[in-house]
Amino acid sequence: MSPSYTRAEPIVATEGWGCYVRDVDGNVLLDLSSGMFVLNYGYSHPRLIRAVERQLRKLTHFAGTDFYYEAQVELAERLVDIAPGKFEKHVYFGNSGAESVEAAFKCARWHTRRPRMISFTGSFHGRTFGAMSLSSAGTMRRRHFAPLVPGVSFVPFPDPYRGPFGNSDCGAKCVEYIRKRLKKDIPAEKVAAVITEPIQGTAGYVIPPPDFYPMLKELCEENDWLFIADEIQTGLGRTGKMFAMEHWGVVPDIVCVAKALAGGIAPIGATIADAEVMDWEPGAHASTFGGNLIACVAAIEGLKILEEQKLVERAAELGNLALKRLHEMEGRSKLVGDVRGKGLLLAVELVKDKRTKEFAVEERDMLVKEALNRGLIVFRGGQSAIRIAPPLVINRQELELGLDIFEEALREVERKC
């Protein structure tokens, strides 16, 4: 196996159901990371399995880049219906989040005939060359791969806890910083688009202040830039809205989705764009397996589950419960410096000192391992944060159990420290 895999936890899985996974030794683990933020519908959802089984008996593959099948069209129609904005849209299908970002990158350059992009510090959009070039998170992910795709400028992201210009008014200050760069070294007329994760994922679920995205959208409109929302981690109900950008009332020109789209059944990514923006010619971009039959069928069934079981509303309700519990832990803990989240997208940031906010990297890693020893899976984020993002089908009792285990693990780490 390639040594490039990041495998930090020694879990060898054999089966899963709902929010649980069993390893080869028979241990049952409660997963509050949704299989790396993919399993919004949980492990082995029976409806997804039945839908895929029906399709497998009929047809496993047909080249959707050159021919047609109904599932691809139906899924595109459903995505157009739920995506922000009431304008006409087009959908491009790929095989992953990185591919959906690559498509957005290429589409932006094609439509605008402009070469430059603006992205944010702390961003992570994928590991293929275009997506990696738009990402700033983690020098290890970019090291030794130069030259990257040129023309990308990085600007500060407004982190209310660790604001680049201080904690107060950091959204306005970040937009003002971009305006200053336009006068100095970023020619506005050369910029095709701004790309952002509504809530930065790999950075540890960093949520900008309420005024930031409306101001950023206004700046895009002033300069005829496209606004690209990377909703790969945040989309499809995860934050208590169908798409996270809805929290700020901002309508992107292009939306990237992947991860949870097919519920872990098959790889798929989608790039949804204003039809006037996705105006490229045949052959400009395509993928042999993009929007394949099995993934499309699973995604269609997943979107039905999302609607019928009101999982978006469920994420908002359970997220409020979890956020309250985590804030209570913050008040009692000497290690928890910040708690943040929307819906079932939550983060706990550990610090050595609440005043200095020094990153508590070793303590964070100890907490992840301590939780795992107690049968709980959580995921690292940022330099010393923990991401909590359970399947949207988790019930209240299971969520409370997970938070109980998390708090026990936290207390043990604090005892050892």
Protein backbone atom coordinates (compact mmCIF):
# COMPACT_ATOMS: atom_id res chain seq x y z
CA MET A 1 0.00 0.00 0.00
CA SER A 2 1.16 3.53 -0.73
CA PRO A 3 2.89 5.16 2.25
CA SER A 4 1.06 8.39 1.37
CA TYR A 5 -2.04 7.28 3.29
CA THR A 6 -2.42 9.13 6.58
CA ARG A 7 -3.84 6.29 8.73
CA ALA A 8 -3.44 7.55 12.29
CA GLU A 9 -5.77 5.15 14.13
CA PRO A 10 -5.30 1.35 14.09
CA ILE A 11 -8.89 0.43 13.18
CA VAL A 12 -9.49 -2.55 10.88
CA ALA A 13 -13.18 -2.54 10.01
CA THR A 14 -15.28 -5.54 8.98
CA GLU A 15 -18.90 -4.35 9.07
CA GLY A 16 -21.04 -1.38 9.99
CA TRP A 17 -24.65 -0.34 10.59
CA GLY A 18 -26.15 3.02 11.44
CA CYS A 19 -23.50 4.95 13.37
CA TYR A 20 -21.60 1.83 14.47
CA VAL A 21 -18.69 -0.09 12.98
CA ARG A 22 -17.22 -3.43 14.10
CA ASP A 23 -13.50 -4.22 13.81
CA VAL A 24 -11.76 -7.54 13.16
CA ASP A 25 -11.45 -8.22 16.89
CA GLY A 26 -15.19 -7.87 17.42
CA ASN A 27 -15.05 -4.44 19.06
CA VAL A 28 -18.03 -2.22 18.25
CA LEU A 29 -17.16 1.48 17.84
CA LEU A 30 -19.50 4.47 17.79
CA ASP A 31 -18.44 6.65 14.86
CA LEU A 32 -18.87 10.40 15.32
CA SER A 33 -16.93 11.11 12.12
CA SER A 34 -19.29 9.47 9.58
CA GLY A 35 -16.51 7.51 7.92
CA MET A 36 -14.56 10.72 7.21
CA PHE A 37 -17.73 12.78 6.69
CA VAL A 38 -19.17 10.52 3.98
CA LEU A 39 -21.89 8.49 5.72
CA ASN A 40 -24.68 11.02 6.26
CA TYR A 41 -27.11 8.08 6.03
CA GLY A 42 -24.98 5.86 8.24
CA TYR A 43 -23.24 2.58 7.54
CA SER A 44 -24.95 0.07 5.24
CA HIS A 45 -28.27 1.85 4.95
CA PRO A 46 -30.71 -0.86 3.74
CA ARG A 47 -32.49 1.44 1.31
CA LEU A 48 -29.26 2.36 -0.43
CA ILE A 49 -28.25 -1.29 -0.64
CA ARG A 50 -31.60 -2.32 -2.11
CA ALA A 51 -31.50 0.47 -4.69
CA VAL A 52 -28.01 -0.51 -5.80
CA GLU A 53 -28.87 -4.23 -5.88
CA ARG A 54 -31.77 -3.51 -8.23
CA GLN A 55 -29.49 -1.53 -10.53
CA LEU A 56 -26.72 -4.14 -10.45
CA ARG A 57 -29.12 -6.74 -11.85
CA LYS A 58 -30.03 -4.48 -14.79
CA LEU A 59 -26.96 -2.54 -15.92
CA THR A 60 -23.66 -1.80 -14.19
CA HIS A 61 -22.08 0.71 -16.57
CA PHE A 62 -22.94 2.86 -19.54
CA ALA A 63 -20.69 5.72 -20.67
CA GLY A 64 -22.54 8.79 -19.47
CA THR A 65 -20.03 11.07 -21.16
CA ASP A 66 -21.09 9.86 -24.61
CA PHE A 67 -24.52 8.28 -24.16
CA TYR A 68 -27.48 8.62 -21.81
CA TYR A 69 -29.19 6.94 -18.88
CA GLU A 70 -32.10 8.10 -16.78
CA ALA A 71 -30.41 7.98 -13.36
CA GLN A 72 -27.83 10.59 -14.32
CA VAL A 73 -30.49 12.99 -15.56
CA GLU A 74 -32.74 12.41 -12.54
CA LEU A 75 -29.89 13.05 -10.11
CA ALA A 76 -28.92 16.24 -11.95
CA GLU A 77 -32.53 17.44 -11.79
CA ARG A 78 -32.68 16.76 -8.04
CA LEU A 79 -29.40 18.59 -7.41
CA VAL A 80 -30.53 21.57 -9.46
CA ASP A 81 -33.74 21.66 -7.45
CA ILE A 82 -32.05 21.76 -4.03
CA ALA A 83 -29.01 23.91 -4.88
CA PRO A 84 -29.13 27.59 -3.87
CA GLY A 85 -30.56 29.98 -6.45
CA LYS A 86 -33.66 29.78 -8.62
CA PHE A 87 -31.82 30.31 -11.91
CA GLU A 88 -31.22 27.61 -14.54
CA LYS A 89 -28.30 25.35 -13.65
CA HIS A 90 -26.08 22.70 -15.21
CA VAL A 91 -24.43 19.77 -13.43
CA TYR A 92 -21.08 18.14 -14.15
CA PHE A 93 -20.41 14.73 -12.57
CA GLY A 94 -16.97 13.51 -11.48
CA ASN A 95 -15.72 10.90 -9.03
CA SER A 96 -14.65 12.85 -5.94
CA GLY A 97 -14.51 16.16 -4.15
CA ALA A 98 -11.17 17.03 -5.70
CA GLU A 99 -12.62 16.37 -9.16
CA SER A 100 -15.62 18.58 -8.47
CA VAL A 101 -13.21 21.38 -7.51
CA GLU A 102 -11.10 20.75 -10.62
CA ALA A 103 -14.23 21.11 -12.73
CA ALA A 104 -15.17 24.35 -10.98
CA PHE A 105 -11.62 25.70 -11.49
CA LYS A 106 -11.64 24.88 -15.20
CA CYS A 107 -15.19 26.13 -15.68
CA ALA A 108 -14.37 29.47 -14.05
CA ARG A 109 -11.38 30.02 -16.33
CA TRP A 110 -13.32 28.93 -19.38
CA HIS A 111 -16.30 31.18 -18.75
CA THR A 112 -14.44 34.31 -17.70
CA ARG A 113 -11.35 33.90 -19.89
CA ARG A 114 -9.43 35.07 -16.82
CA PRO A 115 -6.43 33.18 -15.35
CA ARG A 116 -6.36 34.07 -11.65
CA MET A 117 -8.12 32.67 -8.57
CA ILE A 118 -8.47 33.89 -5.00
CA SER A 119 -8.49 31.34 -2.19
CA PHE A 120 -8.03 31.47 1.58
CA THR A 121 -5.40 30.58 4.12
CA GLY A 122 -6.42 27.42 5.95
CA SER A 123 -8.35 26.14 2.94
CA PHE A 124 -8.30 22.56 1.71
CA HIS A 125 -9.92 21.62 -1.59
CA GLY A 126 -8.26 18.33 -2.53
CA ARG A 127 -4.99 16.68 -3.55
CA THR A 128 -5.10 16.72 -7.36
CA PHE A 129 -2.97 19.47 -8.87
CA GLY A 130 -5.66 22.10 -9.44
CA ALA A 131 -7.39 21.44 -6.11
CA MET A 132 -4.04 21.33 -4.29
CA SER A 133 -3.02 24.62 -5.88
CA LEU A 134 -6.18 26.19 -4.44
CA SER A 135 -5.40 24.79 -0.97
CA SER A 136 -3.15 26.31 1.66
CA ALA A 137 -3.75 23.94 4.58
CA GLY A 138 -0.76 21.76 5.45
CA THR A 139 2.61 22.40 3.82
CA MET A 140 3.20 18.63 3.79
CA ARG A 141 0.42 18.25 1.24
CA ARG A 142 2.11 20.71 -1.15
CA ARG A 143 5.79 20.05 -0.48
CA HIS A 144 7.91 18.75 -3.39
CA PHE A 145 5.05 19.07 -5.93
CA ALA A 146 6.09 22.38 -7.47
CA PRO A 147 5.38 23.94 -9.82
CA LEU A 148 1.71 24.08 -8.87
CA VAL A 149 -1.00 25.55 -11.08
CA PRO A 150 -0.11 29.26 -11.28
CA GLY A 151 -2.34 32.25 -10.68
CA VAL A 152 -3.70 31.49 -7.20
CA SER A 153 -3.56 34.22 -4.54
CA PHE A 154 -4.21 33.41 -0.89
CA VAL A 155 -5.86 35.87 1.48
CA PRO A 156 -6.64 35.58 5.22
CA PHE A 157 -9.78 33.73 6.32
CA PRO A 158 -11.70 35.39 9.18
CA ASP A 159 -11.34 33.08 12.16
CA PRO A 160 -13.29 34.60 15.08
CA TYR A 161 -11.20 32.62 17.61
CA ARG A 162 -7.80 33.23 16.05
CA GLY A 163 -8.56 36.27 13.90
CA PRO A 164 -5.71 37.28 11.57
CA PHE A 165 -6.43 40.93 12.41
CA GLY A 166 -7.70 40.43 15.94
CA ASN A 167 -11.02 38.91 16.96
CA SER A 168 -13.19 42.00 16.51
CA ASP A 169 -14.63 42.84 13.09
CA CYS A 170 -12.41 40.22 11.44
CA GLY A 171 -14.82 39.63 8.54
CA ALA A 172 -14.75 43.26 7.42
CA LYS A 173 -10.99 43.42 7.92
CA CYS A 174 -10.42 40.37 5.70
CA VAL A 175 -12.52 41.87 2.90
CA GLU A 176 -10.65 45.16 3.29
CA TYR A 177 -7.39 43.21 3.03
CA ILE A 178 -8.50 41.83 -0.35
CA ARG A 179 -9.34 45.35 -1.54
CA LYS A 180 -5.83 46.48 -0.60
CA ARG A 181 -4.29 43.55 -2.46
CA LEU A 182 -6.29 44.53 -5.56
CA LYS A 183 -4.52 47.89 -5.54
CA LYS A 184 -1.14 46.29 -4.94
CA ASP A 185 -0.59 42.92 -6.64
CA ILE A 186 -3.85 41.17 -7.63
CA PRO A 187 -5.25 42.70 -10.85
CA ALA A 188 -9.03 42.56 -10.37
CA GLU A 189 -9.66 42.25 -14.10
CA LYS A 190 -7.55 39.07 -14.20
CA VAL A 191 -9.44 37.24 -11.43
CA ALA A 192 -11.89 34.54 -12.55
CA ALA A 193 -13.30 33.49 -9.18
CA VAL A 194 -13.09 33.33 -5.43
CA ILE A 195 -13.32 29.83 -3.95
CA THR A 196 -14.16 29.14 -0.32
CA GLU A 197 -15.32 26.42 1.99
CA PRO A 198 -18.35 27.96 3.76
CA ILE A 199 -16.92 26.44 6.95
CA GLN A 200 -13.28 25.44 6.66
CA GLY A 201 -13.08 21.69 7.18
CA THR A 202 -9.50 20.49 7.46
CA ALA A 203 -8.66 23.67 9.39
CA GLY A 204 -10.97 22.46 12.17
CA TYR A 205 -14.46 23.71 11.23
CA VAL A 206 -13.64 27.40 11.30
CA ILE A 207 -16.84 29.44 10.97
CA PRO A 208 -16.54 33.03 9.71
CA PRO A 209 -18.52 35.90 11.29
CA PRO A 210 -22.03 36.60 9.96
CA ASP A 211 -21.10 39.64 7.86
CA PHE A 212 -18.21 38.08 5.94
CA TYR A 213 -19.86 36.20 3.09
CA PRO A 214 -22.37 38.92 2.17
CA MET A 215 -19.47 41.38 1.92
CA LEU A 216 -17.38 38.90 -0.07
CA LYS A 217 -20.25 38.28 -2.47
CA GLU A 218 -20.64 42.02 -2.94
CA LEU A 219 -16.95 42.30 -3.76
CA CYS A 220 -17.32 39.51 -6.34
CA GLU A 221 -20.23 41.29 -7.99
CA GLU A 222 -18.31 44.58 -8.11
CA ASN A 223 -15.49 42.93 -10.05
CA ASP A 224 -17.44 40.34 -12.09
CA TRP A 225 -15.81 37.45 -10.24
CA LEU A 226 -17.49 34.10 -9.84
CA PHE A 227 -18.24 32.88 -6.32
CA ILE A 228 -17.42 29.17 -5.82
CA ALA A 229 -18.65 27.37 -2.69
CA ASP A 230 -16.83 24.14 -1.85
CA GLU A 231 -19.64 22.32 -0.02
CA ILE A 232 -17.93 18.92 -0.15
CA GLN A 233 -17.93 18.56 3.64
CA THR A 234 -20.71 20.99 4.52
CA GLY A 235 -23.40 20.22 1.93
CA LEU A 236 -26.44 17.97 1.88
CA GLY A 237 -27.89 18.81 5.29
CA ARG A 238 -24.77 18.48 7.42
CA THR A 239 -24.99 21.98 8.97
CA GLY A 240 -28.77 22.06 9.49
CA LYS A 241 -29.29 23.67 6.08
CA MET A 242 -29.25 21.83 2.76
CA PHE A 243 -26.12 23.82 1.89
CA ALA A 244 -24.06 25.69 4.46
CA MET A 245 -23.90 28.89 2.43
CA GLU A 246 -27.64 29.27 3.10
CA HIS A 247 -26.77 30.28 6.67
CA TRP A 248 -25.47 33.56 5.24
CA GLY A 249 -28.11 34.05 2.53
CA VAL A 250 -25.46 34.00 -0.20
CA VAL A 251 -26.07 32.29 -3.55
CA PRO A 252 -22.88 30.95 -5.18
CA ASP A 253 -22.35 30.80 -8.93
CA ILE A 254 -20.80 27.33 -8.62
CA VAL A 255 -21.28 24.71 -5.88
CA CYS A 256 -19.06 21.66 -5.38
CA VAL A 257 -20.46 18.55 -3.66
CA ALA A 258 -19.13 15.03 -3.09
CA LYS A 259 -18.37 12.98 0.06
CA ALA A 260 -21.92 12.26 1.36
CA LEU A 261 -23.62 12.39 -2.03
CA ALA A 262 -23.83 8.62 -2.63
CA GLY A 263 -23.73 7.66 1.04
CA GLY A 264 -20.42 5.81 0.75
CA ILE A 265 -21.80 3.32 -1.78
CA ALA A 266 -19.73 4.55 -4.73
CA PRO A 267 -17.44 7.48 -5.55
CA ILE A 268 -19.15 10.55 -7.00
CA GLY A 269 -18.72 14.30 -7.08
CA ALA A 270 -20.84 16.99 -8.66
CA THR A 271 -20.24 20.56 -9.78
CA ILE A 272 -23.47 22.58 -9.97
CA ALA A 273 -23.29 25.90 -11.77
CA ASP A 274 -25.38 28.69 -13.16
CA ALA A 275 -26.16 27.57 -16.73
CA GLU A 276 -24.76 30.85 -18.07
CA VAL A 277 -21.48 30.07 -16.28
CA MET A 278 -21.17 26.40 -17.26
CA ASP A 279 -21.14 27.27 -20.96
CA TRP A 280 -18.15 25.25 -22.12
CA GLU A 281 -18.14 23.29 -25.35
CA PRO A 282 -18.37 19.48 -25.78
CA GLY A 283 -15.10 17.80 -24.85
CA ALA A 284 -13.87 20.67 -22.67
CA HIS A 285 -14.21 18.45 -19.61
CA ALA A 286 -15.41 14.88 -19.05
CA SER A 287 -14.85 11.72 -17.00
CA THR A 288 -15.42 8.09 -18.00
CA PHE A 289 -16.88 7.07 -14.63
CA GLY A 290 -18.23 10.44 -13.53
CA GLY A 291 -21.89 10.10 -12.56
CA ASN A 292 -21.74 6.32 -13.00
CA LEU A 293 -24.96 4.33 -12.74
CA ILE A 294 -24.35 2.80 -9.32
CA ALA A 295 -23.35 6.10 -7.71
CA CYS A 296 -26.27 7.96 -9.28
CA VAL A 297 -28.81 5.41 -8.09
CA ALA A 298 -27.39 5.51 -4.56
CA ALA A 299 -27.36 9.31 -4.57
CA ILE A 300 -30.98 9.52 -5.72
CA GLU A 301 -32.09 7.18 -2.95
CA GLY A 302 -30.00 9.10 -0.45
CA LEU A 303 -31.64 12.40 -1.37
CA LYS A 304 -35.03 10.75 -0.93
CA ILE A 305 -34.01 9.60 2.56
CA LEU A 306 -32.73 13.09 3.34
CA GLU A 307 -36.11 14.58 2.48
CA GLU A 308 -38.46 11.89 3.79
CA GLN A 309 -36.73 11.51 7.16
CA LYS A 310 -36.24 15.29 7.51
CA LEU A 311 -32.55 14.79 8.19
CA VAL A 312 -31.70 18.45 7.55
CA GLU A 313 -34.02 19.55 10.33
CA ARG A 314 -32.76 16.67 12.47
CA ALA A 315 -29.17 17.86 12.03
CA ALA A 316 -30.15 21.35 13.20
CA GLU A 317 -31.98 20.03 16.27
CA LEU A 318 -29.37 17.50 17.37
CA GLY A 319 -26.61 19.95 16.56
CA ASN A 320 -28.03 22.46 19.03
CA LEU A 321 -28.14 19.75 21.68
CA ALA A 322 -24.54 18.72 21.01
CA LEU A 323 -23.28 22.31 20.91
CA LYS A 324 -24.86 22.99 24.30
CA ARG A 325 -23.20 19.90 25.80
CA LEU A 326 -19.83 20.83 24.34
CA HIS A 327 -20.06 24.38 25.67
CA GLU A 328 -20.76 22.92 29.10
CA MET A 329 -17.60 20.82 28.78
CA GLU A 330 -15.71 23.95 27.72
CA GLY A 331 -16.76 25.71 30.90
CA ARG A 332 -15.49 22.86 33.07
CA SER A 333 -12.32 22.09 31.13
CA LYS A 334 -8.84 23.58 31.38
CA LEU A 335 -7.96 22.27 27.90
CA VAL A 336 -10.97 23.26 25.76
CA GLY A 337 -10.30 26.72 24.36
CA ASP A 338 -13.12 26.96 21.82
CA VAL A 339 -16.27 25.11 20.78
CA ARG A 340 -17.97 25.89 17.50
CA GLY A 341 -20.37 24.36 15.02
CA LYS A 342 -23.49 24.45 12.91
CA GLY A 343 -25.81 21.46 12.82
CA LEU A 344 -23.91 18.19 13.11
CA LEU A 345 -20.64 19.82 12.07
CA LEU A 346 -18.88 20.53 15.36
CA ALA A 347 -15.37 21.22 16.56
CA VAL A 348 -13.60 21.31 19.91
CA GLU A 349 -10.25 23.12 19.93
CA LEU A 350 -7.76 22.27 22.65
CA VAL A 351 -5.24 24.76 23.99
CA LYS A 352 -2.50 24.61 26.60
CA ASP A 353 -3.60 27.95 28.01
CA LYS A 354 -6.96 29.64 27.43
CA ARG A 355 -5.39 33.08 27.58
CA THR A 356 -2.49 32.53 25.16
CA LYS A 357 -4.41 29.99 23.02
CA GLU A 358 -1.26 27.93 22.50
CA PHE A 359 -2.08 24.86 20.43
CA ALA A 360 -2.39 21.67 22.47
CA VAL A 361 -1.34 19.22 19.76
CA GLU A 362 -0.17 16.35 21.95
CA GLU A 363 -3.20 16.67 24.20
CA ARG A 364 -5.52 16.60 21.18
CA ASP A 365 -3.87 13.45 19.88
CA MET A 366 -4.10 11.88 23.33
CA LEU A 367 -7.83 12.68 23.43
CA VAL A 368 -8.47 11.07 20.04
CA LYS A 369 -6.71 7.89 21.20
CA GLU A 370 -8.37 7.93 24.62
CA ALA A 371 -11.77 8.20 22.96
CA LEU A 372 -10.91 5.32 20.62
CA ASN A 373 -9.89 3.15 23.58
CA ARG A 374 -13.39 3.76 24.93
CA GLY A 375 -15.03 2.80 21.63
CA LEU A 376 -15.54 6.25 20.09
CA ILE A 377 -14.26 7.53 16.74
CA VAL A 378 -13.64 11.27 16.33
CA PHE A 379 -11.44 13.02 13.77
CA ARG A 380 -8.57 15.49 13.95
CA GLY A 381 -8.80 18.96 12.44
CA GLY A 382 -6.57 22.01 12.32
CA GLN A 383 -3.51 22.04 14.55
CA SER A 384 -5.23 21.02 17.78
CA ALA A 385 -8.95 20.65 17.11
CA ILE A 386 -11.23 17.63 17.03
CA ARG A 387 -14.01 17.35 14.48
CA ILE A 388 -17.33 15.77 15.46
CA ALA A 389 -19.67 15.01 12.57
CA PRO A 390 -21.88 11.94 13.22
CA PRO A 391 -24.20 10.38 10.65
CA LEU A 392 -27.37 12.44 10.25
CA VAL A 393 -29.40 9.33 11.12
CA ILE A 394 -27.94 9.13 14.64
CA ASN A 395 -30.59 9.27 17.34
CA ARG A 396 -30.49 11.44 20.44
CA GLN A 397 -29.52 8.59 22.78
CA GLU A 398 -26.60 7.56 20.57
CA LEU A 399 -25.40 11.15 20.27
CA GLU A 400 -25.57 11.64 24.03
CA LEU A 401 -23.70 8.38 24.54
CA GLY A 402 -20.97 9.58 22.21
CA LEU A 403 -20.71 12.91 24.02
CA ASP A 404 -20.59 11.10 27.39
CA ILE A 405 -17.68 8.96 26.17
CA PHE A 406 -15.96 12.04 24.74
CA GLU A 407 -16.24 13.85 28.07
CA GLU A 408 -14.88 10.84 29.95
CA ALA A 409 -11.91 10.73 27.59
CA LEU A 410 -11.38 14.47 28.01
CA ARG A 411 -11.33 14.16 31.80
CA GLU A 412 -8.78 11.34 31.59
CA VAL A 413 -6.48 13.39 29.36
CA GLU A 414 -6.76 16.35 31.73
CA ARG A 415 -5.93 14.06 34.64
CA LYS A 416 -2.81 12.85 32.86
CA CYS A 417 -1.78 16.38 31.94
